[in-house]
Amino acid sequence: GNSFDTTNFLHIHEQPLTPVLRSSIKTPLLEEKGSIVLTDYALYFQPAILSGSAMSNNGNIGSDGSGGKAQVWCLEDVVAFARRYDGMKDRAVEIYLSKMEGGKSFHHSVLL
């Protein structure tokens, strides 16, 4: 379905700024389908169940048929974004993130 488990939100007062959007995270060898919601604090990706035996990170299948635990990217960590092409179609976004942890700076990107 198009439902999103809002218990994944980090803050109790977060409100979605977008409807639930079908999406996928792409790497060179893998495409993980799921749903994305943008709030005033973060971007959330909730994986979809691909088979009856799929489980979330905490071992539970979401009651709404979702994959459970969401991946979270805080908006304050986003430093840039770029339009990307999937095949010949302009339909992907790469988000660049930077975060300080333990005095070290970590940089990575996510292709959605």
Protein backbone atom coordinates (compact mmCIF):
# COMPACT_ATOMS: atom_id res chain seq x y z
CA GLY A 1 0.00 0.00 0.00
CA ASN A 2 0.88 3.67 0.11
CA SER A 3 0.97 3.85 3.92
CA PHE A 4 3.98 4.97 5.91
CA ASP A 5 4.68 4.04 9.51
CA THR A 6 4.94 7.43 11.24
CA THR A 7 6.34 5.77 14.37
CA ASN A 8 9.63 5.93 12.41
CA PHE A 9 9.65 9.73 12.80
CA LEU A 10 12.41 10.94 15.13
CA HIS A 11 10.37 13.74 16.70
CA ILE A 12 6.82 13.49 18.00
CA HIS A 13 5.79 16.84 16.45
CA GLU A 14 7.07 16.10 12.92
CA GLN A 15 4.54 16.63 10.17
CA PRO A 16 4.83 15.23 6.63
CA LEU A 17 5.44 17.91 3.97
CA THR A 18 4.82 15.49 1.09
CA PRO A 19 2.42 12.66 0.44
CA VAL A 20 3.89 9.15 0.61
CA LEU A 21 5.96 8.81 -2.57
CA ARG A 22 6.90 5.50 -4.18
CA SER A 23 10.65 5.43 -4.62
CA SER A 24 13.75 3.28 -4.54
CA ILE A 25 17.33 3.58 -3.38
CA LYS A 26 19.76 2.64 -6.13
CA THR A 27 23.30 1.34 -5.89
CA PRO A 28 25.34 -0.16 -8.75
CA LEU A 29 24.19 -3.70 -7.85
CA LEU A 30 20.91 -3.21 -5.99
CA GLU A 31 17.60 -1.38 -6.18
CA GLU A 32 15.59 -1.30 -2.94
CA LYS A 33 11.96 -0.30 -3.49
CA GLY A 34 9.98 1.54 -0.83
CA SER A 35 8.34 4.81 0.11
CA ILE A 36 9.68 8.27 0.91
CA VAL A 37 8.23 10.99 3.12
CA LEU A 38 9.75 14.43 3.66
CA THR A 39 9.09 16.19 6.97
CA ASP A 40 10.26 19.53 8.32
CA TYR A 41 13.16 17.66 10.00
CA ALA A 42 14.23 14.74 7.80
CA LEU A 43 13.81 12.60 4.70
CA TYR A 44 12.60 9.07 5.49
CA PHE A 45 12.84 5.96 3.29
CA GLN A 46 10.77 2.96 4.36
CA PRO A 47 11.61 -0.27 2.50
CA ALA A 48 8.81 -2.32 0.96
CA ILE A 49 8.39 -6.03 1.61
CA LEU A 50 9.62 -7.95 -1.39
CA SER A 51 8.50 -11.38 -0.21
CA GLY A 52 6.40 -12.86 2.56
CA SER A 53 9.52 -13.61 4.61
CA ALA A 54 11.00 -10.10 4.47
CA MET A 55 11.43 -8.40 7.82
CA SER A 56 12.41 -4.98 9.04
CA ASN A 57 15.64 -4.13 10.90
CA ASN A 58 13.93 -4.86 14.24
CA GLY A 59 12.61 -8.22 13.03
CA ASN A 60 8.99 -7.12 12.60
CA ILE A 61 6.85 -6.75 9.53
CA GLY A 62 4.92 -3.50 9.59
CA SER A 63 1.19 -3.91 10.31
CA ASP A 64 0.49 -1.96 7.12
CA GLY A 65 2.50 -4.39 4.96
CA SER A 66 5.51 -2.09 4.93
CA GLY A 67 9.08 -3.18 5.52
CA GLY A 68 9.19 -1.54 8.95
CA LYS A 69 12.20 0.48 10.12
CA ALA A 70 12.95 3.53 7.98
CA GLN A 71 16.29 4.97 6.94
CA VAL A 72 16.58 8.62 8.00
CA TRP A 73 18.57 11.53 6.58
CA CYS A 74 18.36 14.74 8.64
CA LEU A 75 17.85 17.84 6.51
CA GLU A 76 20.63 19.67 8.40
CA ASP A 77 23.10 17.09 6.99
CA VAL A 78 22.10 17.72 3.35
CA VAL A 79 24.76 19.84 1.62
CA ALA A 80 23.60 19.52 -2.02
CA PHE A 81 21.40 17.59 -4.40
CA ALA A 82 21.56 16.88 -8.13
CA ARG A 83 19.17 15.69 -10.80
CA ARG A 84 20.17 12.30 -12.18
CA TYR A 85 19.04 10.19 -15.13
CA ASP A 86 17.76 6.64 -14.84
CA GLY A 87 18.16 5.14 -18.27
CA MET A 88 17.17 7.98 -20.59
CA LYS A 89 14.62 9.47 -18.20
CA ASP A 90 15.17 12.42 -15.88
CA ARG A 91 13.70 10.84 -12.76
CA ALA A 92 16.30 10.44 -10.04
CA VAL A 93 17.77 12.68 -7.35
CA GLU A 94 21.16 12.25 -5.72
CA ILE A 95 21.36 13.73 -2.23
CA TYR A 96 24.80 14.65 -0.83
CA LEU A 97 25.22 14.50 2.94
CA SER A 98 27.94 15.51 5.38
CA LYS A 99 27.98 14.68 9.07
CA MET A 100 30.41 15.15 11.95
CA GLU A 101 30.81 12.13 14.25
CA GLY A 102 33.53 11.74 16.83
CA GLY A 103 35.45 14.73 15.47
CA LYS A 104 35.55 13.25 11.95
CA SER A 105 33.62 14.39 8.93
CA PHE A 106 31.76 11.77 6.90
CA HIS A 107 30.54 12.44 3.34
CA HIS A 108 28.25 10.24 1.28
CA SER A 109 25.41 10.40 -1.19
CA VAL A 110 22.10 8.60 -1.72
CA LEU A 111 20.52 8.07 -5.13
CA LEU A 112 16.72 8.09 -5.02
